[in-house]
Amino acid sequence: MPPLTRRELRQNTITEVARRLFVENGFHATGIAAIAKKSRVAVQQLYRDFPSKEDIIAAIVTVDCERIADQKTLNKALAAKDRAGIIGWLVATPCRKDEEGDRLFLEIAAEASRNERINRIFLDVRARMSENVSRAFAGLMGSDVVADEHRTLAQAFMIISLGSVCARALHKEDVEPARDRLIHCLIDGTR
């Protein structure tokens, strides 16, 4: 991989600072000026890199989605028809212990209910994740083609995952045993 350009390094700094501020203060209470100041980037330069806060959110969500989706691992397991690898990917997907990420997710979800652009980003991420989970369930059932039953299992999986995030972030609950049991029930249903 080639080294990052100055612009890419600056954009990474801006998104990391924005992430921290969005988690600490919320989306609405965090202005572009605060992000620029903490990033040590001139406001005008920040606007050249990211014309709006929504563009910063889009960049954050894209990076998070790629990290969480770990498509490379899933694709490798599916290509090898590696049932244990597919199960490992499914179990690991909702299990990340990332309190800051959970709080940011809830902040973005709340903003998505008010902001059409953030909602489109949110729905796009959800659709991509759902498709990956559907592919995983298809693979567990020995199919290369995603069918309605795989999408239904993926929807149940997504509900479990989202519920886990909410319980962890809002109630500080350890939901891991219940979440894992529910996920394994879904996986066991693929045999």
N, C-alpha and C. Protein backbone atom coordinates (compact mmCIF):
# COMPACT_ATOMS: atom_id res chain seq x y z
N MET A 1 0.83 -1.19 0.00
CA MET A 1 0.00 0.00 0.00
C MET A 1 0.88 1.25 0.00
N PRO A 2 0.56 2.20 -0.87
CA PRO A 2 1.35 3.43 -0.89
C PRO A 2 1.09 4.25 0.38
N PRO A 3 2.06 5.07 0.77
CA PRO A 3 1.84 5.90 1.95
C PRO A 3 0.69 6.89 1.70
N LEU A 4 0.06 7.27 2.80
CA LEU A 4 -1.06 8.21 2.70
C LEU A 4 -0.56 9.59 2.30
N THR A 5 -1.37 10.27 1.52
CA THR A 5 -1.04 11.64 1.14
C THR A 5 -1.32 12.57 2.32
N ARG A 6 -0.83 13.79 2.22
CA ARG A 6 -1.11 14.78 3.27
C ARG A 6 -2.61 14.97 3.43
N ARG A 7 -3.32 15.01 2.30
CA ARG A 7 -4.78 15.18 2.35
C ARG A 7 -5.44 14.01 3.09
N GLU A 8 -5.03 12.79 2.77
CA GLU A 8 -5.60 11.61 3.43
C GLU A 8 -5.28 11.61 4.93
N LEU A 9 -4.07 11.98 5.28
CA LEU A 9 -3.70 12.07 6.70
C LEU A 9 -4.56 13.11 7.41
N ARG A 10 -4.75 14.27 6.77
CA ARG A 10 -5.57 15.34 7.35
C ARG A 10 -7.02 14.87 7.50
N GLN A 11 -7.56 14.22 6.49
CA GLN A 11 -8.93 13.72 6.55
C GLN A 11 -9.08 12.68 7.66
N ASN A 12 -8.11 11.81 7.83
CA ASN A 12 -8.15 10.83 8.91
C ASN A 12 -8.16 11.52 10.27
N THR A 13 -7.33 12.55 10.41
CA THR A 13 -7.30 13.30 11.67
C THR A 13 -8.66 13.95 11.92
N ILE A 14 -9.21 14.57 10.92
CA ILE A 14 -10.51 15.25 11.06
C ILE A 14 -11.59 14.25 11.46
N THR A 15 -11.64 13.10 10.81
CA THR A 15 -12.71 12.14 11.14
C THR A 15 -12.52 11.54 12.53
N GLU A 16 -11.28 11.32 12.95
CA GLU A 16 -11.06 10.78 14.30
C GLU A 16 -11.44 11.81 15.37
N VAL A 17 -11.09 13.06 15.14
CA VAL A 17 -11.47 14.11 16.08
C VAL A 17 -12.99 14.27 16.10
N ALA A 18 -13.60 14.29 14.93
CA ALA A 18 -15.06 14.43 14.85
C ALA A 18 -15.75 13.28 15.56
N ARG A 19 -15.25 12.07 15.36
CA ARG A 19 -15.83 10.89 16.02
C ARG A 19 -15.84 11.11 17.54
N ARG A 20 -14.69 11.50 18.07
CA ARG A 20 -14.58 11.71 19.52
C ARG A 20 -15.54 12.80 19.99
N LEU A 21 -15.62 13.91 19.25
CA LEU A 21 -16.51 15.01 19.64
C LEU A 21 -17.98 14.63 19.51
N PHE A 22 -18.34 13.88 18.46
CA PHE A 22 -19.73 13.45 18.31
C PHE A 22 -20.14 12.54 19.47
N VAL A 23 -19.22 11.68 19.89
CA VAL A 23 -19.52 10.79 21.02
C VAL A 23 -19.64 11.59 22.31
N GLU A 24 -18.72 12.52 22.54
CA GLU A 24 -18.71 13.30 23.78
C GLU A 24 -19.86 14.30 23.86
N ASN A 25 -20.14 14.99 22.75
CA ASN A 25 -21.07 16.13 22.80
C ASN A 25 -22.35 15.94 22.00
N GLY A 26 -22.39 14.92 21.15
CA GLY A 26 -23.53 14.74 20.27
C GLY A 26 -23.31 15.43 18.93
N PHE A 27 -24.07 15.01 17.95
CA PHE A 27 -23.92 15.52 16.60
C PHE A 27 -24.26 17.01 16.52
N HIS A 28 -25.40 17.39 17.11
CA HIS A 28 -25.85 18.79 17.00
C HIS A 28 -24.98 19.75 17.81
N ALA A 29 -24.46 19.31 18.92
CA ALA A 29 -23.67 20.20 19.77
C ALA A 29 -22.21 20.32 19.29
N THR A 30 -21.87 19.57 18.27
CA THR A 30 -20.51 19.63 17.73
C THR A 30 -20.54 20.39 16.41
N GLY A 31 -19.91 21.54 16.41
CA GLY A 31 -19.86 22.36 15.20
C GLY A 31 -18.59 22.14 14.41
N ILE A 32 -18.61 22.58 13.17
CA ILE A 32 -17.44 22.49 12.30
C ILE A 32 -16.26 23.24 12.90
N ALA A 33 -16.52 24.39 13.51
CA ALA A 33 -15.43 25.17 14.10
C ALA A 33 -14.72 24.38 15.20
N ALA A 34 -15.48 23.66 16.03
CA ALA A 34 -14.88 22.86 17.09
C ALA A 34 -14.04 21.71 16.51
N ILE A 35 -14.57 21.09 15.46
CA ILE A 35 -13.83 20.00 14.82
C ILE A 35 -12.53 20.54 14.23
N ALA A 36 -12.61 21.68 13.56
CA ALA A 36 -11.43 22.29 12.94
C ALA A 36 -10.39 22.64 14.01
N LYS A 37 -10.85 23.25 15.11
CA LYS A 37 -9.93 23.66 16.17
C LYS A 37 -9.21 22.46 16.78
N LYS A 38 -9.97 21.44 17.14
CA LYS A 38 -9.36 20.25 17.75
C LYS A 38 -8.48 19.48 16.77
N SER A 39 -8.82 19.57 15.49
CA SER A 39 -8.03 18.89 14.45
C SER A 39 -6.79 19.68 14.06
N ARG A 40 -6.77 20.97 14.47
CA ARG A 40 -5.69 21.89 14.07
C ARG A 40 -5.66 22.07 12.55
N VAL A 41 -6.87 22.20 12.02
CA VAL A 41 -7.04 22.41 10.58
C VAL A 41 -7.87 23.68 10.43
N ALA A 42 -7.50 24.53 9.49
CA ALA A 42 -8.28 25.75 9.25
C ALA A 42 -9.69 25.37 8.79
N VAL A 43 -10.67 26.15 9.22
CA VAL A 43 -12.07 25.88 8.87
C VAL A 43 -12.24 25.78 7.36
N GLN A 44 -11.61 26.70 6.63
CA GLN A 44 -11.73 26.69 5.17
C GLN A 44 -11.19 25.38 4.59
N GLN A 45 -10.07 24.91 5.14
CA GLN A 45 -9.49 23.64 4.66
C GLN A 45 -10.42 22.48 4.99
N LEU A 46 -10.99 22.49 6.18
CA LEU A 46 -11.90 21.43 6.56
C LEU A 46 -13.07 21.38 5.58
N TYR A 47 -13.62 22.54 5.23
CA TYR A 47 -14.73 22.57 4.27
C TYR A 47 -14.31 22.10 2.88
N ARG A 48 -13.05 22.27 2.51
CA ARG A 48 -12.59 21.73 1.23
C ARG A 48 -12.55 20.20 1.27
N ASP A 49 -12.17 19.66 2.42
CA ASP A 49 -12.12 18.21 2.58
C ASP A 49 -13.50 17.60 2.80
N PHE A 50 -14.32 18.29 3.59
CA PHE A 50 -15.65 17.81 3.95
C PHE A 50 -16.62 18.99 3.90
N PRO A 51 -17.41 19.12 2.84
CA PRO A 51 -18.30 20.27 2.69
C PRO A 51 -19.36 20.41 3.81
N SER A 52 -19.63 19.32 4.57
CA SER A 52 -20.63 19.41 5.64
C SER A 52 -20.35 18.36 6.72
N LYS A 53 -21.04 18.50 7.84
CA LYS A 53 -20.91 17.49 8.90
C LYS A 53 -21.38 16.13 8.40
N GLU A 54 -22.39 16.13 7.53
CA GLU A 54 -22.89 14.87 6.99
C GLU A 54 -21.79 14.13 6.21
N ASP A 55 -20.93 14.90 5.52
CA ASP A 55 -19.82 14.29 4.80
C ASP A 55 -18.82 13.66 5.76
N ILE A 56 -18.63 14.27 6.90
CA ILE A 56 -17.74 13.69 7.92
C ILE A 56 -18.36 12.41 8.45
N ILE A 57 -19.67 12.45 8.74
CA ILE A 57 -20.37 11.24 9.21
C ILE A 57 -20.25 10.14 8.16
N ALA A 58 -20.45 10.49 6.89
CA ALA A 58 -20.35 9.49 5.82
C ALA A 58 -18.97 8.84 5.83
N ALA A 59 -17.92 9.63 6.01
CA ALA A 59 -16.55 9.09 6.04
C ALA A 59 -16.36 8.17 7.25
N ILE A 60 -16.87 8.59 8.39
CA ILE A 60 -16.75 7.76 9.61
C ILE A 60 -17.49 6.44 9.43
N VAL A 61 -18.71 6.51 8.92
CA VAL A 61 -19.53 5.32 8.75
C VAL A 61 -18.89 4.36 7.74
N THR A 62 -18.31 4.89 6.67
CA THR A 62 -17.66 4.05 5.67
C THR A 62 -16.51 3.26 6.29
N VAL A 63 -15.67 3.94 7.05
CA VAL A 63 -14.54 3.27 7.70
C VAL A 63 -15.04 2.23 8.70
N ASP A 64 -16.02 2.60 9.52
CA ASP A 64 -16.56 1.66 10.51
C ASP A 64 -17.17 0.43 9.84
N CYS A 65 -17.91 0.67 8.78
CA CYS A 65 -18.58 -0.42 8.07
C CYS A 65 -17.55 -1.40 7.52
N GLU A 66 -16.50 -0.88 6.92
CA GLU A 66 -15.46 -1.76 6.38
C GLU A 66 -14.79 -2.56 7.49
N ARG A 67 -14.55 -1.91 8.61
CA ARG A 67 -13.89 -2.59 9.74
C ARG A 67 -14.80 -3.67 10.32
N ILE A 68 -16.05 -3.34 10.52
CA ILE A 68 -16.99 -4.29 11.13
C ILE A 68 -17.32 -5.41 10.17
N ALA A 69 -17.54 -5.08 8.90
CA ALA A 69 -17.96 -6.09 7.93
C ALA A 69 -16.90 -7.15 7.71
N ASP A 70 -15.63 -6.78 7.73
CA ASP A 70 -14.53 -7.72 7.54
C ASP A 70 -14.85 -8.68 6.40
N GLN A 71 -15.18 -8.10 5.25
CA GLN A 71 -15.60 -8.88 4.10
C GLN A 71 -14.53 -9.84 3.62
N LYS A 72 -13.29 -9.48 3.78
CA LYS A 72 -12.20 -10.35 3.33
C LYS A 72 -12.27 -11.70 4.05
N THR A 73 -12.49 -11.66 5.36
CA THR A 73 -12.58 -12.90 6.14
C THR A 73 -13.80 -13.71 5.72
N LEU A 74 -14.94 -13.03 5.55
CA LEU A 74 -16.16 -13.73 5.14
C LEU A 74 -15.97 -14.35 3.75
N ASN A 75 -15.46 -13.58 2.80
CA ASN A 75 -15.28 -14.09 1.44
C ASN A 75 -14.36 -15.31 1.40
N LYS A 76 -13.31 -15.26 2.20
CA LYS A 76 -12.37 -16.38 2.26
C LYS A 76 -13.07 -17.63 2.80
N ALA A 77 -13.84 -17.48 3.87
CA ALA A 77 -14.55 -18.62 4.46
C ALA A 77 -15.60 -19.17 3.50
N LEU A 78 -16.31 -18.27 2.81
CA LEU A 78 -17.33 -18.73 1.85
C LEU A 78 -16.69 -19.46 0.67
N ALA A 79 -15.60 -18.93 0.15
CA ALA A 79 -14.93 -19.56 -0.99
C ALA A 79 -14.43 -20.96 -0.62
N ALA A 80 -13.95 -21.11 0.61
CA ALA A 80 -13.43 -22.40 1.06
C ALA A 80 -14.53 -23.32 1.60
N LYS A 81 -15.77 -22.80 1.63
CA LYS A 81 -16.89 -23.54 2.23
C LYS A 81 -16.53 -24.00 3.65
N ASP A 82 -15.88 -23.08 4.36
CA ASP A 82 -15.38 -23.31 5.71
C ASP A 82 -16.46 -22.93 6.72
N ARG A 83 -17.24 -23.91 7.13
CA ARG A 83 -18.36 -23.68 8.05
C ARG A 83 -17.89 -23.01 9.35
N ALA A 84 -16.79 -23.50 9.91
CA ALA A 84 -16.28 -22.92 11.16
C ALA A 84 -15.86 -21.46 10.94
N GLY A 85 -15.26 -21.17 9.79
CA GLY A 85 -14.87 -19.80 9.49
C GLY A 85 -16.07 -18.87 9.33
N ILE A 86 -17.12 -19.37 8.69
CA ILE A 86 -18.35 -18.57 8.52
C ILE A 86 -18.98 -18.31 9.88
N ILE A 87 -19.06 -19.34 10.70
CA ILE A 87 -19.63 -19.19 12.05
C ILE A 87 -18.78 -18.21 12.85
N GLY A 88 -17.46 -18.34 12.76
CA GLY A 88 -16.57 -17.42 13.47
C GLY A 88 -16.82 -15.98 13.06
N TRP A 89 -17.02 -15.76 11.75
CA TRP A 89 -17.30 -14.41 11.26
C TRP A 89 -18.63 -13.91 11.83
N LEU A 90 -19.67 -14.75 11.78
CA LEU A 90 -20.99 -14.34 12.30
C LEU A 90 -20.92 -14.01 13.79
N VAL A 91 -20.27 -14.85 14.55
CA VAL A 91 -20.21 -14.64 16.00
C VAL A 91 -19.39 -13.39 16.33
N ALA A 92 -18.32 -13.14 15.58
CA ALA A 92 -17.46 -11.99 15.88
C ALA A 92 -18.09 -10.66 15.47
N THR A 93 -18.94 -10.68 14.48
CA THR A 93 -19.48 -9.43 13.93
C THR A 93 -20.17 -8.55 14.97
N PRO A 94 -21.10 -9.06 15.78
CA PRO A 94 -21.75 -8.17 16.75
C PRO A 94 -21.03 -8.09 18.09
N CYS A 95 -19.88 -8.74 18.21
CA CYS A 95 -19.24 -8.88 19.52
C CYS A 95 -18.16 -7.85 19.82
N ARG A 96 -17.95 -6.92 18.93
CA ARG A 96 -16.87 -5.98 19.19
C ARG A 96 -17.16 -5.20 20.47
N LYS A 97 -16.18 -5.12 21.29
CA LYS A 97 -16.34 -4.37 22.54
C LYS A 97 -15.81 -2.97 22.27
N ASP A 98 -16.72 -2.08 21.91
CA ASP A 98 -16.36 -0.74 21.49
C ASP A 98 -17.42 0.22 22.02
N GLU A 99 -17.24 0.61 23.27
CA GLU A 99 -18.23 1.48 23.91
C GLU A 99 -18.40 2.79 23.13
N GLU A 100 -17.29 3.35 22.69
CA GLU A 100 -17.36 4.60 21.93
C GLU A 100 -18.11 4.38 20.61
N GLY A 101 -17.84 3.26 19.95
CA GLY A 101 -18.53 2.93 18.70
C GLY A 101 -20.01 2.72 18.92
N ASP A 102 -20.39 2.08 20.03
CA ASP A 102 -21.81 1.89 20.34
C ASP A 102 -22.50 3.24 20.53
N ARG A 103 -21.86 4.13 21.29
CA ARG A 103 -22.48 5.45 21.52
C ARG A 103 -22.56 6.25 20.24
N LEU A 104 -21.54 6.16 19.39
CA LEU A 104 -21.58 6.85 18.11
C LEU A 104 -22.68 6.28 17.23
N PHE A 105 -22.83 4.95 17.24
CA PHE A 105 -23.89 4.32 16.47
C PHE A 105 -25.26 4.86 16.88
N LEU A 106 -25.50 4.97 18.19
CA LEU A 106 -26.78 5.49 18.66
C LEU A 106 -26.96 6.96 18.29
N GLU A 107 -25.89 7.73 18.33
CA GLU A 107 -25.95 9.14 17.93
C GLU A 107 -26.31 9.25 16.45
N ILE A 108 -25.67 8.43 15.62
CA ILE A 108 -25.97 8.45 14.19
C ILE A 108 -27.39 7.97 13.94
N ALA A 109 -27.82 6.94 14.66
CA ALA A 109 -29.20 6.44 14.49
C ALA A 109 -30.21 7.52 14.85
N ALA A 110 -29.96 8.24 15.92
CA ALA A 110 -30.88 9.32 16.30
C ALA A 110 -30.89 10.41 15.22
N GLU A 111 -29.72 10.75 14.70
CA GLU A 111 -29.65 11.76 13.65
C GLU A 111 -30.33 11.26 12.38
N ALA A 112 -30.24 9.97 12.11
CA ALA A 112 -30.88 9.39 10.92
C ALA A 112 -32.39 9.54 10.96
N SER A 113 -32.95 9.60 12.16
CA SER A 113 -34.41 9.77 12.27
C SER A 113 -34.84 11.19 11.92
N ARG A 114 -33.88 12.14 11.89
CA ARG A 114 -34.20 13.54 11.63
C ARG A 114 -33.62 14.05 10.32
N ASN A 115 -32.59 13.39 9.84
CA ASN A 115 -31.80 13.92 8.72
C ASN A 115 -31.83 12.90 7.58
N GLU A 116 -32.44 13.28 6.47
CA GLU A 116 -32.62 12.36 5.34
C GLU A 116 -31.29 11.84 4.79
N ARG A 117 -30.30 12.69 4.70
CA ARG A 117 -29.01 12.25 4.15
C ARG A 117 -28.35 11.21 5.07
N ILE A 118 -28.36 11.48 6.36
CA ILE A 118 -27.79 10.51 7.32
C ILE A 118 -28.61 9.22 7.28
N ASN A 119 -29.92 9.35 7.13
CA ASN A 119 -30.77 8.16 7.03
C ASN A 119 -30.39 7.31 5.82
N ARG A 120 -30.13 7.95 4.68
CA ARG A 120 -29.72 7.19 3.49
C ARG A 120 -28.39 6.47 3.73
N ILE A 121 -27.45 7.15 4.38
CA ILE A 121 -26.16 6.53 4.71
C ILE A 121 -26.38 5.34 5.63
N PHE A 122 -27.20 5.55 6.64
CA PHE A 122 -27.50 4.52 7.63
C PHE A 122 -28.16 3.31 6.97
N LEU A 123 -29.13 3.56 6.08
CA LEU A 123 -29.82 2.47 5.40
C LEU A 123 -28.89 1.73 4.45
N ASP A 124 -27.98 2.45 3.81
CA ASP A 124 -27.02 1.81 2.92
C ASP A 124 -26.11 0.87 3.69
N VAL A 125 -25.62 1.32 4.83
CA VAL A 125 -24.76 0.48 5.67
C VAL A 125 -25.53 -0.74 6.14
N ARG A 126 -26.76 -0.53 6.56
CA ARG A 126 -27.59 -1.65 7.03
C ARG A 126 -27.81 -2.66 5.91
N ALA A 127 -28.07 -2.18 4.70
CA ALA A 127 -28.30 -3.08 3.56
C ALA A 127 -27.03 -3.88 3.24
N ARG A 128 -25.88 -3.22 3.25
CA ARG A 128 -24.63 -3.93 2.97
C ARG A 128 -24.35 -4.99 4.03
N MET A 129 -24.57 -4.63 5.28
CA MET A 129 -24.33 -5.59 6.36
C MET A 129 -25.31 -6.75 6.27
N SER A 130 -26.57 -6.44 6.00
CA SER A 130 -27.58 -7.48 5.88
C SER A 130 -27.25 -8.43 4.73
N GLU A 131 -26.75 -7.89 3.63
CA GLU A 131 -26.37 -8.74 2.49
C GLU A 131 -25.22 -9.66 2.87
N ASN A 132 -24.23 -9.15 3.59
CA ASN A 132 -23.11 -10.00 4.04
C ASN A 132 -23.60 -11.10 4.97
N VAL A 133 -24.46 -10.76 5.91
CA VAL A 133 -24.98 -11.76 6.84
C VAL A 133 -25.83 -12.79 6.08
N SER A 134 -26.62 -12.32 5.12
CA SER A 134 -27.42 -13.24 4.29
C SER A 134 -26.51 -14.20 3.54
N ARG A 135 -25.41 -13.70 2.98
CA ARG A 135 -24.44 -14.55 2.29
C ARG A 135 -23.85 -15.58 3.24
N ALA A 136 -23.58 -15.16 4.48
CA ALA A 136 -23.04 -16.09 5.46
C ALA A 136 -24.03 -17.21 5.76
N PHE A 137 -25.30 -16.86 5.95
CA PHE A 137 -26.30 -17.90 6.22
C PHE A 137 -26.50 -18.80 5.00
N ALA A 138 -26.45 -18.23 3.80
CA ALA A 138 -26.54 -19.06 2.59
C ALA A 138 -25.38 -20.05 2.57
N GLY A 139 -24.18 -19.57 2.87
CA GLY A 139 -23.00 -20.43 2.91
C GLY A 139 -23.13 -21.54 3.94
N LEU A 140 -23.68 -21.21 5.09
CA LEU A 140 -23.88 -22.23 6.13
C LEU A 140 -24.86 -23.31 5.67
N MET A 141 -25.77 -22.92 4.79
CA MET A 141 -26.76 -23.87 4.30
C MET A 141 -26.32 -24.50 2.98
N GLY A 142 -25.05 -24.28 2.60
CA GLY A 142 -24.50 -24.92 1.42
C GLY A 142 -24.91 -24.30 0.10
N SER A 143 -25.32 -23.06 0.14
CA SER A 143 -25.77 -22.40 -1.08
C SER A 143 -24.88 -21.21 -1.43
N ASP A 144 -24.69 -21.00 -2.72
CA ASP A 144 -23.98 -19.81 -3.19
C ASP A 144 -24.96 -18.70 -3.53
N VAL A 145 -26.25 -19.02 -3.50
CA VAL A 145 -27.30 -18.06 -3.86
C VAL A 145 -28.08 -17.69 -2.61
N VAL A 146 -28.24 -16.39 -2.39
CA VAL A 146 -29.01 -15.91 -1.23
C VAL A 146 -30.50 -16.00 -1.54
N ALA A 147 -31.24 -16.66 -0.67
CA ALA A 147 -32.68 -16.83 -0.82
C ALA A 147 -33.40 -16.11 0.31
N ASP A 148 -34.72 -16.08 0.24
CA ASP A 148 -35.53 -15.39 1.25
C ASP A 148 -35.26 -15.93 2.66
N GLU A 149 -35.08 -17.24 2.80
CA GLU A 149 -34.84 -17.80 4.14
C GLU A 149 -33.53 -17.27 4.73
N HIS A 150 -32.53 -17.04 3.87
CA HIS A 150 -31.25 -16.50 4.35
C HIS A 150 -31.42 -15.04 4.78
N ARG A 151 -32.22 -14.30 4.02
CA ARG A 151 -32.50 -12.90 4.36
C ARG A 151 -33.28 -12.80 5.67
N THR A 152 -34.18 -13.74 5.90
CA THR A 152 -34.95 -13.74 7.16
C THR A 152 -34.03 -14.02 8.34
N LEU A 153 -33.14 -14.98 8.20
CA LEU A 153 -32.17 -15.25 9.25
C LEU A 153 -31.27 -14.03 9.48
N ALA A 154 -30.87 -13.38 8.39
CA ALA A 154 -30.05 -12.18 8.52
C ALA A 154 -30.80 -11.07 9.25
N GLN A 155 -32.07 -10.93 8.95
CA GLN A 155 -32.87 -9.91 9.63
C GLN A 155 -32.93 -10.19 11.13
N ALA A 156 -33.14 -11.45 11.50
CA ALA A 156 -33.16 -11.81 12.92
C ALA A 156 -31.80 -11.53 13.55
N PHE A 157 -30.74 -11.87 12.84
CA PHE A 157 -29.38 -11.61 13.31
C PHE A 157 -29.16 -10.12 13.55
N MET A 158 -29.61 -9.29 12.60
CA MET A 158 -29.44 -7.84 12.72
C MET A 158 -30.24 -7.30 13.92
N ILE A 159 -31.41 -7.83 14.15
CA ILE A 159 -32.22 -7.40 15.31
C ILE A 159 -31.48 -7.74 16.61
N ILE A 160 -30.91 -8.93 16.67
CA ILE A 160 -30.15 -9.33 17.85
C ILE A 160 -28.94 -8.39 18.03
N SER A 161 -28.23 -8.12 16.96
CA SER A 161 -27.05 -7.26 17.03
C SER A 161 -27.40 -5.85 17.47
N LEU A 162 -28.45 -5.29 16.88
CA LEU A 162 -28.85 -3.93 17.25
C LEU A 162 -29.34 -3.87 18.69
N GLY A 163 -30.07 -4.88 19.10
CA GLY A 163 -30.51 -4.93 20.50
C GLY A 163 -29.35 -5.00 21.46
N SER A 164 -28.31 -5.73 21.07
CA SER A 164 -27.10 -5.83 21.89
C SER A 164 -26.43 -4.48 22.05
N VAL A 165 -26.31 -3.75 20.94
CA VAL A 165 -25.69 -2.42 20.98
C VAL A 165 -26.47 -1.52 21.92
N CYS A 166 -27.80 -1.53 21.78
CA CYS A 166 -28.63 -0.67 22.64
C CYS A 166 -28.49 -1.04 24.11
N ALA A 167 -28.54 -2.32 24.42
CA ALA A 167 -28.43 -2.75 25.82
C ALA A 167 -27.06 -2.39 26.40
N ARG A 168 -26.01 -2.58 25.60
CA ARG A 168 -24.66 -2.24 26.08
C ARG A 168 -24.52 -0.74 26.29
N ALA A 169 -24.95 0.05 25.31
CA ALA A 169 -24.73 1.50 25.37
C ALA A 169 -25.68 2.20 26.34
N LEU A 170 -26.93 1.81 26.35
CA LEU A 170 -27.92 2.52 27.16
C LEU A 170 -28.02 2.01 28.59
N HIS A 171 -27.86 0.71 28.76
CA HIS A 171 -28.09 0.13 30.09
C HIS A 171 -26.84 -0.46 30.72
N LYS A 172 -25.73 -0.40 29.99
CA LYS A 172 -24.45 -0.95 30.47
C LYS A 172 -24.61 -2.42 30.86
N GLU A 173 -25.46 -3.13 30.12
CA GLU A 173 -25.73 -4.54 30.40
C GLU A 173 -24.72 -5.43 29.68
N ASP A 174 -24.36 -6.51 30.32
CA ASP A 174 -23.58 -7.55 29.65
C ASP A 174 -24.58 -8.51 29.03
N VAL A 175 -24.78 -8.36 27.75
CA VAL A 175 -25.77 -9.18 27.04
C VAL A 175 -25.12 -10.32 26.27
N GLU A 176 -23.81 -10.46 26.43
CA GLU A 176 -23.07 -11.43 25.64
C GLU A 176 -23.64 -12.85 25.73
N PRO A 177 -23.92 -13.39 26.92
CA PRO A 177 -24.44 -14.77 26.96
C PRO A 177 -25.77 -14.93 26.21
N ALA A 178 -26.69 -14.01 26.40
CA ALA A 178 -27.99 -14.11 25.72
C ALA A 178 -27.83 -13.91 24.22
N ARG A 179 -27.03 -12.91 23.83
CA ARG A 179 -26.80 -12.65 22.41
C ARG A 179 -26.18 -13.87 21.74
N ASP A 180 -25.14 -14.42 22.35
CA ASP A 180 -24.46 -15.58 21.76
C ASP A 180 -25.40 -16.77 21.64
N ARG A 181 -26.24 -16.96 22.63
CA ARG A 181 -27.17 -18.09 22.58
C ARG A 181 -28.16 -17.92 21.44
N LEU A 182 -28.68 -16.70 21.30
CA LEU A 182 -29.62 -16.44 20.20
C LEU A 182 -28.95 -16.61 18.83
N ILE A 183 -27.73 -16.11 18.70
CA ILE A 183 -27.02 -16.26 17.43
C ILE A 183 -26.76 -17.74 17.13
N HIS A 184 -26.38 -18.50 18.14
CA HIS A 184 -26.14 -19.93 17.91
C HIS A 184 -27.44 -20.66 17.59
N CYS A 185 -28.56 -20.20 18.13
CA CYS A 185 -29.86 -20.79 17.74
C CYS A 185 -30.11 -20.55 16.24
N LEU A 186 -29.81 -19.36 15.78
CA LEU A 186 -29.97 -19.08 14.34
C LEU A 186 -29.03 -19.97 13.53
N ILE A 187 -27.80 -20.08 13.96
CA ILE A 187 -26.81 -20.89 13.24
C ILE A 187 -27.21 -22.36 13.25
N ASP A 188 -27.67 -22.84 14.42
CA ASP A 188 -28.08 -24.24 14.51
C ASP A 188 -29.26 -24.54 13.60
N GLY A 189 -30.07 -23.54 13.35
CA GLY A 189 -31.21 -23.72 12.44
C GLY A 189 -30.81 -23.89 10.99
N THR A 190 -29.54 -23.69 10.69
CA THR A 190 -29.08 -23.84 9.29
C THR A 190 -28.65 -25.27 8.98
N ARG A 191 -28.67 -26.14 9.95
CA ARG A 191 -28.22 -27.54 9.71
C ARG A 191 -29.32 -28.36 9.12
